[in-house]
Amino acid sequence: MATKKEKSSHAPEVLVCYDKLIETLPGIERKGATMPYTSLNGHMFSLLDKDGTFALRLPEDVLEQFLKKYKTKLHETYGTVLKEYAVVPEKLFKNTKELAPYFKQSVDYIKTLKPKATKR
């Protein structure tokens, strides 16, 4: 569920798909109002870009397989290629059952990273 009350520019059905995916893993919540994302221990692992592109952060071995299997590419935002983030094709984004294992692998990968210091 969204934690902020500000309005997102994304279509409601896109946010429903994102929330449905997030609900597959207890304890994970959607953050961000205008550019929704998920993070754990200070590391972002999924995001919904302003243009509606969904990107998922994956470990290197899974990322390579994912890019080939779904004929997709690394995510690019503001002119920068995010090297660990794969663009999730729209058809896959709408298929929670097929995408959920990759979402879990993303969370499992983030759990291996050293937590970032918080500002609080």
PDB file of N, CA and C in Angstrom:
ATOM      1  N   MET A   1       0.827  -1.195   0.000  1.00  0.00           N
ATOM      2  CA  MET A   1       0.000   0.000   0.000  1.00  0.00           C
ATOM      3  C   MET A   1       0.864   1.248   0.000  1.00  0.00           C
ATOM      4  N   ALA A   2       0.373   2.266  -0.609  1.00  0.00           N
ATOM      5  CA  ALA A   2       1.094   3.533  -0.635  1.00  0.00           C
ATOM      6  C   ALA A   2       1.150   4.112   0.767  1.00  0.00           C
ATOM      7  N   THR A   3       2.287   4.715   1.081  1.00  0.00           N
ATOM      8  CA  THR A   3       2.437   5.288   2.410  1.00  0.00           C
ATOM      9  C   THR A   3       2.185   6.787   2.404  1.00  0.00           C
ATOM     10  N   LYS A   4       2.098   7.367   1.241  1.00  0.00           N
ATOM     11  CA  LYS A   4       1.891   8.810   1.134  1.00  0.00           C
ATOM     12  C   LYS A   4       0.532   9.089   0.515  1.00  0.00           C
ATOM     13  N   LYS A   5       0.003  10.271   0.819  1.00  0.00           N
ATOM     14  CA  LYS A   5      -1.324  10.622   0.321  1.00  0.00           C
ATOM     15  C   LYS A   5      -1.280  11.432  -0.978  1.00  0.00           C
ATOM     16  N   GLU A   6      -0.081  11.907  -1.379  1.00  0.00           N
ATOM     17  CA  GLU A   6      -0.002  12.689  -2.605  1.00  0.00           C
ATOM     18  C   GLU A   6      -0.471  11.855  -3.786  1.00  0.00           C
ATOM     19  N   LYS A   7      -0.926  12.542  -4.816  1.00  0.00           N
ATOM     20  CA  LYS A   7      -1.441  11.848  -5.989  1.00  0.00           C
ATOM     21  C   LYS A   7      -0.332  11.431  -6.930  1.00  0.00           C
ATOM     22  N   SER A   8      -0.421  10.210  -7.400  1.00  0.00           N
ATOM     23  CA  SER A   8       0.516   9.695  -8.383  1.00  0.00           C
ATOM     24  C   SER A   8      -0.010  10.032  -9.771  1.00  0.00           C
ATOM     25  N   SER A   9       0.907  10.210 -10.705  1.00  0.00           N
ATOM     26  CA  SER A   9       0.497  10.477 -12.082  1.00  0.00           C
ATOM     27  C   SER A   9       0.262   9.180 -12.855  1.00  0.00           C
ATOM     28  N   HIS A  10       0.493   8.044 -12.219  1.00  0.00           N
ATOM     29  CA  HIS A  10       0.310   6.760 -12.871  1.00  0.00           C
ATOM     30  C   HIS A  10      -1.162   6.364 -12.909  1.00  0.00           C
ATOM     31  N   ALA A  11      -1.509   5.632 -13.937  1.00  0.00           N
ATOM     32  CA  ALA A  11      -2.882   5.135 -14.063  1.00  0.00           C
ATOM     33  C   ALA A  11      -3.186   4.220 -12.880  1.00  0.00           C
ATOM     34  N   PRO A  12      -4.402   4.291 -12.360  1.00  0.00           N
ATOM     35  CA  PRO A  12      -4.767   3.452 -11.208  1.00  0.00           C
ATOM     36  C   PRO A  12      -4.499   1.967 -11.432  1.00  0.00           C
ATOM     37  N   GLU A  13      -4.739   1.458 -12.635  1.00  0.00           N
ATOM     38  CA  GLU A  13      -4.527   0.035 -12.894  1.00  0.00           C
ATOM     39  C   GLU A  13      -3.048  -0.354 -12.802  1.00  0.00           C
ATOM     40  N   VAL A  14      -2.151   0.592 -13.116  1.00  0.00           N
ATOM     41  CA  VAL A  14      -0.713   0.345 -12.994  1.00  0.00           C
ATOM     42  C   VAL A  14      -0.346   0.221 -11.517  1.00  0.00           C
ATOM     43  N   LEU A  15      -0.871   1.111 -10.699  1.00  0.00           N
ATOM     44  CA  LEU A  15      -0.595   1.055  -9.260  1.00  0.00           C
ATOM     45  C   LEU A  15      -1.198  -0.200  -8.630  1.00  0.00           C
ATOM     46  N   VAL A  16      -2.344  -0.637  -9.132  1.00  0.00           N
ATOM     47  CA  VAL A  16      -2.962  -1.865  -8.629  1.00  0.00           C
ATOM     48  C   VAL A  16      -2.037  -3.053  -8.920  1.00  0.00           C
ATOM     49  N   CYS A  17      -1.487  -3.111 -10.124  1.00  0.00           N
ATOM     50  CA  CYS A  17      -0.559  -4.196 -10.479  1.00  0.00           C
ATOM     51  C   CYS A  17       0.666  -4.172  -9.565  1.00  0.00           C
ATOM     52  N   TYR A  18       1.201  -2.989  -9.336  1.00  0.00           N
ATOM     53  CA  TYR A  18       2.387  -2.836  -8.484  1.00  0.00           C
ATOM     54  C   TYR A  18       2.054  -3.272  -7.059  1.00  0.00           C
ATOM     55  N   ASP A  19       0.950  -2.811  -6.522  1.00  0.00           N
ATOM     56  CA  ASP A  19       0.553  -3.174  -5.163  1.00  0.00           C
ATOM     57  C   ASP A  19       0.299  -4.679  -5.037  1.00  0.00           C
ATOM     58  N   LYS A  20      -0.283  -5.266  -6.062  1.00  0.00           N
ATOM     59  CA  LYS A  20      -0.547  -6.709  -6.048  1.00  0.00           C
ATOM     60  C   LYS A  20       0.775  -7.482  -5.969  1.00  0.00           C
ATOM     61  N   LEU A  21       1.771  -7.021  -6.688  1.00  0.00           N
ATOM     62  CA  LEU A  21       3.097  -7.650  -6.653  1.00  0.00           C
ATOM     63  C   LEU A  21       3.719  -7.480  -5.262  1.00  0.00           C
ATOM     64  N   ILE A  22       3.653  -6.283  -4.729  1.00  0.00           N
ATOM     65  CA  ILE A  22       4.233  -5.996  -3.416  1.00  0.00           C
ATOM     66  C   ILE A  22       3.577  -6.850  -2.332  1.00  0.00           C
ATOM     67  N   GLU A  23       2.294  -7.065  -2.450  1.00  0.00           N
ATOM     68  CA  GLU A  23       1.559  -7.859  -1.454  1.00  0.00           C
ATOM     69  C   GLU A  23       1.984  -9.315  -1.416  1.00  0.00           C
ATOM     70  N   THR A  24       2.751  -9.773  -2.413  1.00  0.00           N
ATOM     71  CA  THR A  24       3.224 -11.165  -2.408  1.00  0.00           C
ATOM     72  C   THR A  24       4.290 -11.387  -1.343  1.00  0.00           C
ATOM     73  N   LEU A  25       4.867 -10.295  -0.821  1.00  0.00           N
ATOM     74  CA  LEU A  25       5.895 -10.407   0.216  1.00  0.00           C
ATOM     75  C   LEU A  25       5.516  -9.558   1.429  1.00  0.00           C
ATOM     76  N   PRO A  26       5.134 -10.184   2.508  1.00  0.00           N
ATOM     77  CA  PRO A  26       4.772  -9.439   3.720  1.00  0.00           C
ATOM     78  C   PRO A  26       5.934  -8.557   4.199  1.00  0.00           C
ATOM     79  N   GLY A  27       5.582  -7.383   4.692  1.00  0.00           N
ATOM     80  CA  GLY A  27       6.589  -6.475   5.229  1.00  0.00           C
ATOM     81  C   GLY A  27       7.171  -5.497   4.226  1.00  0.00           C
ATOM     82  N   ILE A  28       6.849  -5.661   2.958  1.00  0.00           N
ATOM     83  CA  ILE A  28       7.328  -4.741   1.927  1.00  0.00           C
ATOM     84  C   ILE A  28       6.203  -3.770   1.629  1.00  0.00           C
ATOM     85  N   GLU A  29       6.555  -2.485   1.505  1.00  0.00           N
ATOM     86  CA  GLU A  29       5.519  -1.503   1.187  1.00  0.00           C
ATOM     87  C   GLU A  29       5.997  -0.562   0.088  1.00  0.00           C
ATOM     88  N   ARG A  30       5.029  -0.052  -0.629  1.00  0.00           N
ATOM     89  CA  ARG A  30       5.308   0.920  -1.696  1.00  0.00           C
ATOM     90  C   ARG A  30       5.563   2.269  -1.056  1.00  0.00           C
ATOM     91  N   LYS A  31       6.593   2.934  -1.539  1.00  0.00           N
ATOM     92  CA  LYS A  31       6.945   4.269  -1.063  1.00  0.00           C
ATOM     93  C   LYS A  31       6.910   5.212  -2.252  1.00  0.00           C
ATOM     94  N   GLY A  32       7.026   6.492  -1.980  1.00  0.00           N
ATOM     95  CA  GLY A  32       7.057   7.480  -3.056  1.00  0.00           C
ATOM     96  C   GLY A  32       5.676   7.761  -3.597  1.00  0.00           C
ATOM     97  N   ALA A  33       5.423   9.018  -3.866  1.00  0.00           N
ATOM     98  CA  ALA A  33       4.104   9.410  -4.358  1.00  0.00           C
ATOM     99  C   ALA A  33       4.111   9.572  -5.877  1.00  0.00           C
ATOM    100  N   THR A  34       5.008  10.392  -6.380  1.00  0.00           N
ATOM    101  CA  THR A  34       5.014  10.638  -7.820  1.00  0.00           C
ATOM    102  C   THR A  34       5.814   9.588  -8.574  1.00  0.00           C
ATOM    103  N   MET A  35       6.812   8.983  -7.910  1.00  0.00           N
ATOM    104  CA  MET A  35       7.604   7.927  -8.527  1.00  0.00           C
ATOM    105  C   MET A  35       7.688   6.768  -7.529  1.00  0.00           C
ATOM    106  N   PRO A  36       6.676   5.896  -7.530  1.00  0.00           N
ATOM    107  CA  PRO A  36       6.615   4.804  -6.559  1.00  0.00           C
ATOM    108  C   PRO A  36       7.827   3.872  -6.652  1.00  0.00           C
ATOM    109  N   TYR A  37       8.250   3.374  -5.486  1.00  0.00           N
ATOM    110  CA  TYR A  37       9.382   2.469  -5.427  1.00  0.00           C
ATOM    111  C   TYR A  37       9.271   1.597  -4.176  1.00  0.00           C
ATOM    112  N   THR A  38      10.121   0.581  -4.101  1.00  0.00           N
ATOM    113  CA  THR A  38      10.254  -0.219  -2.891  1.00  0.00           C
ATOM    114  C   THR A  38      11.726  -0.203  -2.494  1.00  0.00           C
ATOM    115  N   SER A  39      11.953  -0.264  -1.189  1.00  0.00           N
ATOM    116  CA  SER A  39      13.328  -0.316  -0.703  1.00  0.00           C
ATOM    117  C   SER A  39      13.381  -1.101   0.593  1.00  0.00           C
ATOM    118  N   LEU A  40      14.576  -1.552   0.909  1.00  0.00           N
ATOM    119  CA  LEU A  40      14.813  -2.307   2.129  1.00  0.00           C
ATOM    120  C   LEU A  40      16.231  -1.979   2.589  1.00  0.00           C
ATOM    121  N   ASN A  41      16.383  -1.662   3.856  1.00  0.00           N
ATOM    122  CA  ASN A  41      17.691  -1.327   4.423  1.00  0.00           C
ATOM    123  C   ASN A  41      18.392  -0.198   3.658  1.00  0.00           C
ATOM    124  N   GLY A  42      17.601   0.717   3.118  1.00  0.00           N
ATOM    125  CA  GLY A  42      18.158   1.860   2.402  1.00  0.00           C
ATOM    126  C   GLY A  42      18.501   1.609   0.949  1.00  0.00           C
ATOM    127  N   HIS A  43      18.196   0.432   0.449  1.00  0.00           N
ATOM    128  CA  HIS A  43      18.487   0.079  -0.944  1.00  0.00           C
ATOM    129  C   HIS A  43      17.186  -0.077  -1.717  1.00  0.00           C
ATOM    130  N   MET A  44      17.026   0.716  -2.767  1.00  0.00           N
ATOM    131  CA  MET A  44      15.848   0.593  -3.619  1.00  0.00           C
ATOM    132  C   MET A  44      16.002  -0.686  -4.445  1.00  0.00           C
ATOM    133  N   PHE A  45      14.870  -1.397  -4.661  1.00  0.00           N
ATOM    134  CA  PHE A  45      14.957  -2.611  -5.473  1.00  0.00           C
ATOM    135  C   PHE A  45      13.881  -2.714  -6.548  1.00  0.00           C
ATOM    136  N   SER A  46      12.937  -1.802  -6.561  1.00  0.00           N
ATOM    137  CA  SER A  46      12.002  -1.733  -7.684  1.00  0.00           C
ATOM    138  C   SER A  46      11.511  -0.303  -7.779  1.00  0.00           C
ATOM    139  N   LEU A  47      11.133   0.078  -8.986  1.00  0.00           N
ATOM    140  CA  LEU A  47      10.630   1.438  -9.171  1.00  0.00           C
ATOM    141  C   LEU A  47       9.696   1.504 -10.367  1.00  0.00           C
ATOM    142  N   LEU A  48       8.795   2.439 -10.281  1.00  0.00           N
ATOM    143  CA  LEU A  48       7.855   2.715 -11.351  1.00  0.00           C
ATOM    144  C   LEU A  48       8.170   4.120 -11.837  1.00  0.00           C
ATOM    145  N   ASP A  49       8.850   4.196 -12.970  1.00  0.00           N
ATOM    146  CA  ASP A  49       9.313   5.481 -13.493  1.00  0.00           C
ATOM    147  C   ASP A  49       8.140   6.362 -13.904  1.00  0.00           C
ATOM    148  N   LYS A  50       8.403   7.636 -14.061  1.00  0.00           N
ATOM    149  CA  LYS A  50       7.352   8.595 -14.408  1.00  0.00           C
ATOM    150  C   LYS A  50       6.663   8.251 -15.719  1.00  0.00           C
ATOM    151  N   ASP A  51       7.391   7.598 -16.641  1.00  0.00           N
ATOM    152  CA  ASP A  51       6.793   7.219 -17.929  1.00  0.00           C
ATOM    153  C   ASP A  51       6.028   5.895 -17.852  1.00  0.00           C
ATOM    154  N   GLY A  52       5.950   5.308 -16.652  1.00  0.00           N
ATOM    155  CA  GLY A  52       5.208   4.063 -16.475  1.00  0.00           C
ATOM    156  C   GLY A  52       6.052   2.815 -16.596  1.00  0.00           C
ATOM    157  N   THR A  53       7.357   2.964 -16.847  1.00  0.00           N
ATOM    158  CA  THR A  53       8.250   1.824 -16.951  1.00  0.00           C
ATOM    159  C   THR A  53       8.508   1.254 -15.562  1.00  0.00           C
ATOM    160  N   PHE A  54       8.360  -0.066 -15.424  1.00  0.00           N
ATOM    161  CA  PHE A  54       8.650  -0.732 -14.158  1.00  0.00           C
ATOM    162  C   PHE A  54      10.018  -1.373 -14.270  1.00  0.00           C
ATOM    163  N   ALA A  55      10.876  -1.136 -13.279  1.00  0.00           N
ATOM    164  CA  ALA A  55      12.221  -1.707 -13.269  1.00  0.00           C
ATOM    165  C   ALA A  55      12.437  -2.470 -11.971  1.00  0.00           C
ATOM    166  N   LEU A  56      13.184  -3.550 -12.079  1.00  0.00           N
ATOM    167  CA  LEU A  56      13.426  -4.434 -10.949  1.00  0.00           C
ATOM    168  C   LEU A  56      14.925  -4.675 -10.821  1.00  0.00           C
ATOM    169  N   ARG A  57      15.437  -4.522  -9.612  1.00  0.00           N
ATOM    170  CA  ARG A  57      16.865  -4.737  -9.345  1.00  0.00           C
ATOM    171  C   ARG A  57      17.092  -6.212  -9.062  1.00  0.00           C
ATOM    172  N   LEU A  58      18.023  -6.796  -9.803  1.00  0.00           N
ATOM    173  CA  LEU A  58      18.272  -8.231  -9.696  1.00  0.00           C
ATOM    174  C   LEU A  58      19.768  -8.505  -9.553  1.00  0.00           C
ATOM    175  N   PRO A  59      20.129  -9.630  -8.904  1.00  0.00           N
ATOM    176  CA  PRO A  59      21.540 -10.003  -8.835  1.00  0.00           C
ATOM    177  C   PRO A  59      22.045 -10.325 -10.242  1.00  0.00           C
ATOM    178  N   GLU A  60      23.342 -10.185 -10.434  1.00  0.00           N
ATOM    179  CA  GLU A  60      23.935 -10.281 -11.769  1.00  0.00           C
ATOM    180  C   GLU A  60      23.543 -11.532 -12.554  1.00  0.00           C
ATOM    181  N   ASP A  61      23.619 -12.708 -11.927  1.00  0.00           N
ATOM    182  CA  ASP A  61      23.314 -13.938 -12.654  1.00  0.00           C
ATOM    183  C   ASP A  61      21.846 -14.007 -13.069  1.00  0.00           C
ATOM    184  N   VAL A  62      20.958 -13.593 -12.189  1.00  0.00           N
ATOM    185  CA  VAL A  62      19.522 -13.586 -12.495  1.00  0.00           C
ATOM    186  C   VAL A  62      19.218 -12.504 -13.528  1.00  0.00           C
ATOM    187  N   LEU A  63      19.878 -11.372 -13.399  1.00  0.00           N
ATOM    188  CA  LEU A  63      19.669 -10.248 -14.324  1.00  0.00           C
ATOM    189  C   LEU A  63      19.968 -10.665 -15.762  1.00  0.00           C
ATOM    190  N   GLU A  64      21.084 -11.312 -15.974  1.00  0.00           N
ATOM    191  CA  GLU A  64      21.459 -11.745 -17.330  1.00  0.00           C
ATOM    192  C   GLU A  64      20.413 -12.680 -17.923  1.00  0.00           C
ATOM    193  N   GLN A  65      19.958 -13.637 -17.130  1.00  0.00           N
ATOM    194  CA  GLN A  65      18.939 -14.586 -17.591  1.00  0.00           C
ATOM    195  C   GLN A  65      17.622 -13.865 -17.893  1.00  0.00           C
ATOM    196  N   PHE A  66      17.253 -12.944 -17.012  1.00  0.00           N
ATOM    197  CA  PHE A  66      16.016 -12.190 -17.162  1.00  0.00           C
ATOM    198  C   PHE A  66      16.033 -11.378 -18.458  1.00  0.00           C
ATOM    199  N   LEU A  67      17.137 -10.672 -18.710  1.00  0.00           N
ATOM    200  CA  LEU A  67      17.253  -9.850 -19.917  1.00  0.00           C
ATOM    201  C   LEU A  67      17.094 -10.688 -21.183  1.00  0.00           C
ATOM    202  N   LYS A  68      17.695 -11.866 -21.182  1.00  0.00           N
ATOM    203  CA  LYS A  68      17.603 -12.751 -22.351  1.00  0.00           C
ATOM    204  C   LYS A  68      16.202 -13.345 -22.489  1.00  0.00           C
ATOM    205  N   LYS A  69      15.681 -13.885 -21.398  1.00  0.00           N
ATOM    206  CA  LYS A  69      14.387 -14.558 -21.437  1.00  0.00           C
ATOM    207  C   LYS A  69      13.269 -13.629 -21.890  1.00  0.00           C
ATOM    208  N   TYR A  70      13.260 -12.406 -21.385  1.00  0.00           N
ATOM    209  CA  TYR A  70      12.169 -11.479 -21.689  1.00  0.00           C
ATOM    210  C   TYR A  70      12.521 -10.454 -22.765  1.00  0.00           C
ATOM    211  N   LYS A  71      13.698 -10.647 -23.395  1.00  0.00           N
ATOM    212  CA  LYS A  71      14.130  -9.767 -24.490  1.00  0.00           C
ATOM    213  C   LYS A  71      13.962  -8.292 -24.107  1.00  0.00           C
ATOM    214  N   THR A  72      14.546  -7.943 -22.962  1.00  0.00           N
ATOM    215  CA  THR A  72      14.435  -6.584 -22.450  1.00  0.00           C
ATOM    216  C   THR A  72      15.831  -5.998 -22.255  1.00  0.00           C
ATOM    217  N   LYS A  73      15.917  -4.893 -21.564  1.00  0.00           N
ATOM    218  CA  LYS A  73      17.189  -4.179 -21.432  1.00  0.00           C
ATOM    219  C   LYS A  73      17.330  -3.613 -20.020  1.00  0.00           C
ATOM    220  N   LEU A  74      18.494  -3.038 -19.769  1.00  0.00           N
ATOM    221  CA  LEU A  74      18.721  -2.347 -18.502  1.00  0.00           C
ATOM    222  C   LEU A  74      17.902  -1.061 -18.493  1.00  0.00           C
ATOM    223  N   HIS A  75      17.491  -0.664 -17.303  1.00  0.00           N
ATOM    224  CA  HIS A  75      16.669   0.536 -17.160  1.00  0.00           C
ATOM    225  C   HIS A  75      17.537   1.782 -17.252  1.00  0.00           C
ATOM    226  N   GLU A  76      17.024   2.781 -17.943  1.00  0.00           N
ATOM    227  CA  GLU A  76      17.713   4.057 -18.068  1.00  0.00           C
ATOM    228  C   GLU A  76      16.786   5.157 -17.584  1.00  0.00           C
ATOM    229  N   THR A  77      17.327   6.023 -16.733  1.00  0.00           N
ATOM    230  CA  THR A  77      16.553   7.144 -16.228  1.00  0.00           C
ATOM    231  C   THR A  77      17.443   8.366 -16.134  1.00  0.00           C
ATOM    232  N   TYR A  78      16.920   9.482 -16.549  1.00  0.00           N
ATOM    233  CA  TYR A  78      17.660  10.748 -16.535  1.00  0.00           C
ATOM    234  C   TYR A  78      19.032  10.607 -17.198  1.00  0.00           C
ATOM    235  N   GLY A  79      19.099   9.829 -18.271  1.00  0.00           N
ATOM    236  CA  GLY A  79      20.332   9.664 -19.028  1.00  0.00           C
ATOM    237  C   GLY A  79      21.347   8.716 -18.407  1.00  0.00           C
ATOM    238  N   THR A  80      20.979   8.045 -17.341  1.00  0.00           N
ATOM    239  CA  THR A  80      21.883   7.120 -16.660  1.00  0.00           C
ATOM    240  C   THR A  80      21.323   5.704 -16.742  1.00  0.00           C
ATOM    241  N   VAL A  81      22.182   4.758 -17.109  1.00  0.00           N
ATOM    242  CA  VAL A  81      21.789   3.356 -17.140  1.00  0.00           C
ATOM    243  C   VAL A  81      21.973   2.783 -15.740  1.00  0.00           C
ATOM    244  N   LEU A  82      20.910   2.223 -15.198  1.00  0.00           N
ATOM    245  CA  LEU A  82      20.966   1.593 -13.878  1.00  0.00           C
ATOM    246  C   LEU A  82      21.372   0.135 -14.094  1.00  0.00           C
ATOM    247  N   LYS A  83      22.619  -0.178 -13.804  1.00  0.00           N
ATOM    248  CA  LYS A  83      23.240  -1.447 -14.197  1.00  0.00           C
ATOM    249  C   LYS A  83      22.643  -2.702 -13.567  1.00  0.00           C
ATOM    250  N   GLU A  84      21.955  -2.588 -12.474  1.00  0.00           N
ATOM    251  CA  GLU A  84      21.359  -3.775 -11.849  1.00  0.00           C
ATOM    252  C   GLU A  84      19.852  -3.857 -12.063  1.00  0.00           C
ATOM    253  N   TYR A  85      19.288  -2.909 -12.797  1.00  0.00           N
ATOM    254  CA  TYR A  85      17.835  -2.833 -12.959  1.00  0.00           C
ATOM    255  C   TYR A  85      17.407  -3.237 -14.362  1.00  0.00           C
ATOM    256  N   ALA A  86      16.522  -4.204 -14.434  1.00  0.00           N
ATOM    257  CA  ALA A  86      15.962  -4.641 -15.712  1.00  0.00           C
ATOM    258  C   ALA A  86      14.615  -3.970 -15.926  1.00  0.00           C
ATOM    259  N   VAL A  87      14.356  -3.566 -17.150  1.00  0.00           N
ATOM    260  CA  VAL A  87      13.026  -3.084 -17.518  1.00  0.00           C
ATOM    261  C   VAL A  87      12.128  -4.312 -17.588  1.00  0.00           C
ATOM    262  N   VAL A  88      11.017  -4.254 -16.874  1.00  0.00           N
ATOM    263  CA  VAL A  88      10.065  -5.366 -16.876  1.00  0.00           C
ATOM    264  C   VAL A  88       9.035  -5.101 -17.978  1.00  0.00           C
ATOM    265  N   PRO A  89       8.949  -5.997 -18.958  1.00  0.00           N
ATOM    266  CA  PRO A  89       7.967  -5.796 -20.024  1.00  0.00           C
ATOM    267  C   PRO A  89       6.547  -5.690 -19.450  1.00  0.00           C
ATOM    268  N   GLU A  90       5.728  -4.874 -20.096  1.00  0.00           N
ATOM    269  CA  GLU A  90       4.373  -4.607 -19.605  1.00  0.00           C
ATOM    270  C   GLU A  90       3.565  -5.893 -19.397  1.00  0.00           C
ATOM    271  N   LYS A  91       3.681  -6.817 -20.329  1.00  0.00           N
ATOM    272  CA  LYS A  91       2.922  -8.075 -20.220  1.00  0.00           C
ATOM    273  C   LYS A  91       3.326  -8.843 -18.959  1.00  0.00           C
ATOM    274  N   LEU A  92       4.609  -8.863 -18.651  1.00  0.00           N
ATOM    275  CA  LEU A  92       5.084  -9.542 -17.449  1.00  0.00           C
ATOM    276  C   LEU A  92       4.672  -8.772 -16.197  1.00  0.00           C
ATOM    277  N   PHE A  93       4.728  -7.453 -16.253  1.00  0.00           N
ATOM    278  CA  PHE A  93       4.332  -6.621 -15.110  1.00  0.00           C
ATOM    279  C   PHE A  93       2.890  -6.921 -14.693  1.00  0.00           C
ATOM    280  N   LYS A  94       2.056  -7.199 -15.659  1.00  0.00           N
ATOM    281  CA  LYS A  94       0.644  -7.487 -15.371  1.00  0.00           C
ATOM    282  C   LYS A  94       0.422  -8.929 -14.920  1.00  0.00           C
ATOM    283  N   ASN A  95       1.452  -9.773 -15.003  1.00  0.00           N
ATOM    284  CA  ASN A  95       1.343 -11.182 -14.631  1.00  0.00           C
ATOM    285  C   ASN A  95       2.044 -11.395 -13.284  1.00  0.00           C
ATOM    286  N   THR A  96       1.344 -11.096 -12.213  1.00  0.00           N
ATOM    287  CA  THR A  96       1.918 -11.162 -10.868  1.00  0.00           C
ATOM    288  C   THR A  96       2.488 -12.546 -10.562  1.00  0.00           C
ATOM    289  N   LYS A  97       1.795 -13.582 -10.949  1.00  0.00           N
ATOM    290  CA  LYS A  97       2.237 -14.940 -10.649  1.00  0.00           C
ATOM    291  C   LYS A  97       3.610 -15.229 -11.256  1.00  0.00           C
ATOM    292  N   GLU A  98       3.831 -14.797 -12.480  1.00  0.00           N
ATOM    293  CA  GLU A  98       5.113 -15.037 -13.154  1.00  0.00           C
ATOM    294  C   GLU A  98       6.205 -14.095 -12.638  1.00  0.00           C
ATOM    295  N   LEU A  99       5.830 -12.873 -12.290  1.00  0.00           N
ATOM    296  CA  LEU A  99       6.809 -11.881 -11.853  1.00  0.00           C
ATOM    297  C   LEU A  99       7.214 -12.032 -10.386  1.00  0.00           C
ATOM    298  N   ALA A 100       6.333 -12.555  -9.553  1.00  0.00           N
ATOM    299  CA  ALA A 100       6.577 -12.651  -8.107  1.00  0.00           C
ATOM    300  C   ALA A 100       7.889 -13.352  -7.730  1.00  0.00           C
ATOM    301  N   PRO A 101       8.278 -14.449  -8.366  1.00  0.00           N
ATOM    302  CA  PRO A 101       9.557 -15.068  -7.997  1.00  0.00           C
ATOM    303  C   PRO A 101      10.761 -14.139  -8.235  1.00  0.00           C
ATOM    304  N   TYR A 102      10.694 -13.330  -9.288  1.00  0.00           N
ATOM    305  CA  TYR A 102      11.773 -12.375  -9.545  1.00  0.00           C
ATOM    306  C   TYR A 102      11.775 -11.265  -8.493  1.00  0.00           C
ATOM    307  N   PHE A 103      10.596 -10.853  -8.077  1.00  0.00           N
ATOM    308  CA  PHE A 103      10.467  -9.836  -7.033  1.00  0.00           C
ATOM    309  C   PHE A 103      11.089 -10.366  -5.737  1.00  0.00           C
ATOM    310  N   LYS A 104      10.832 -11.623  -5.428  1.00  0.00           N
ATOM    311  CA  LYS A 104      11.409 -12.238  -4.233  1.00  0.00           C
ATOM    312  C   LYS A 104      12.929 -12.319  -4.358  1.00  0.00           C
ATOM    313  N   GLN A 105      13.420 -12.685  -5.529  1.00  0.00           N
ATOM    314  CA  GLN A 105      14.871 -12.744  -5.733  1.00  0.00           C
ATOM    315  C   GLN A 105      15.495 -11.370  -5.558  1.00  0.00           C
ATOM    316  N   SER A 106      14.778 -10.345  -5.962  1.00  0.00           N
ATOM    317  CA  SER A 106      15.245  -8.978  -5.796  1.00  0.00           C
ATOM    318  C   SER A 106      15.383  -8.643  -4.308  1.00  0.00           C
ATOM    319  N   VAL A 107      14.360  -8.971  -3.534  1.00  0.00           N
ATOM    320  CA  VAL A 107      14.389  -8.719  -2.084  1.00  0.00           C
ATOM    321  C   VAL A 107      15.502  -9.541  -1.432  1.00  0.00           C
ATOM    322  N   ASP A 108      15.617 -10.800  -1.808  1.00  0.00           N
ATOM    323  CA  ASP A 108      16.667 -11.657  -1.242  1.00  0.00           C
ATOM    324  C   ASP A 108      18.050 -11.078  -1.538  1.00  0.00           C
ATOM    325  N   TYR A 109      18.232 -10.551  -2.728  1.00  0.00           N
ATOM    326  CA  TYR A 109      19.505  -9.932  -3.107  1.00  0.00           C
ATOM    327  C   TYR A 109      19.777  -8.696  -2.239  1.00  0.00           C
ATOM    328  N   ILE A 110      18.792  -7.860  -2.060  1.00  0.00           N
ATOM    329  CA  ILE A 110      18.958  -6.641  -1.262  1.00  0.00           C
ATOM    330  C   ILE A 110      19.321  -6.988   0.180  1.00  0.00           C
ATOM    331  N   LYS A 111      18.779  -8.066   0.681  1.00  0.00           N
ATOM    332  CA  LYS A 111      19.084  -8.483   2.059  1.00  0.00           C
ATOM    333  C   LYS A 111      20.555  -8.859   2.242  1.00  0.00           C
ATOM    334  N   THR A 112      21.253  -9.168   1.130  1.00  0.00           N
ATOM    335  CA  THR A 112      22.683  -9.513   1.218  1.00  0.00           C
ATOM    336  C   THR A 112      23.555  -8.268   1.259  1.00  0.00           C
ATOM    337  N   LEU A 113      23.008  -7.108   0.932  1.00  0.00           N
ATOM    338  CA  LEU A 113      23.784  -5.870   0.910  1.00  0.00           C
ATOM    339  C   LEU A 113      23.855  -5.244   2.297  1.00  0.00           C
ATOM    340  N   LYS A 114      24.943  -4.570   2.566  1.00  0.00           N
ATOM    341  CA  LYS A 114      25.112  -3.889   3.843  1.00  0.00           C
ATOM    342  C   LYS A 114      24.077  -2.763   3.933  1.00  0.00           C
ATOM    343  N   PRO A 115      23.316  -2.708   5.043  1.00  0.00           N
ATOM    344  CA  PRO A 115      22.329  -1.631   5.187  1.00  0.00           C
ATOM    345  C   PRO A 115      22.973  -0.249   5.111  1.00  0.00           C
ATOM    346  N   LYS A 116      22.271   0.670   4.475  1.00  0.00           N
ATOM    347  CA  LYS A 116      22.741   2.051   4.399  1.00  0.00           C
ATOM    348  C   LYS A 116      22.343   2.777   5.670  1.00  0.00           C
ATOM    349  N   ALA A 117      23.165   3.723   6.078  1.00  0.00           N
ATOM    350  CA  ALA A 117      22.843   4.530   7.256  1.00  0.00           C
ATOM    351  C   ALA A 117      21.615   5.382   6.953  1.00  0.00           C
ATOM    352  N   THR A 118      20.753   5.523   7.935  1.00  0.00           N
ATOM    353  CA  THR A 118      19.554   6.341   7.750  1.00  0.00           C
ATOM    354  C   THR A 118      19.821   7.755   8.240  1.00  0.00           C
ATOM    355  N   LYS A 119      18.994   8.682   7.774  1.00  0.00           N
ATOM    356  CA  LYS A 119      19.130  10.086   8.168  1.00  0.00           C
ATOM    357  C   LYS A 119      18.432  10.363   9.488  1.00  0.00           C
ATOM    358  N   ARG A 120      17.619   9.419   9.957  1.00  0.00           N
ATOM    359  CA  ARG A 120      16.844   9.621  11.176  1.00  0.00           C
ATOM    360  C   ARG A 120      17.684   9.483  12.409  1.00  0.00           C
TER     361      ARG A 120
END
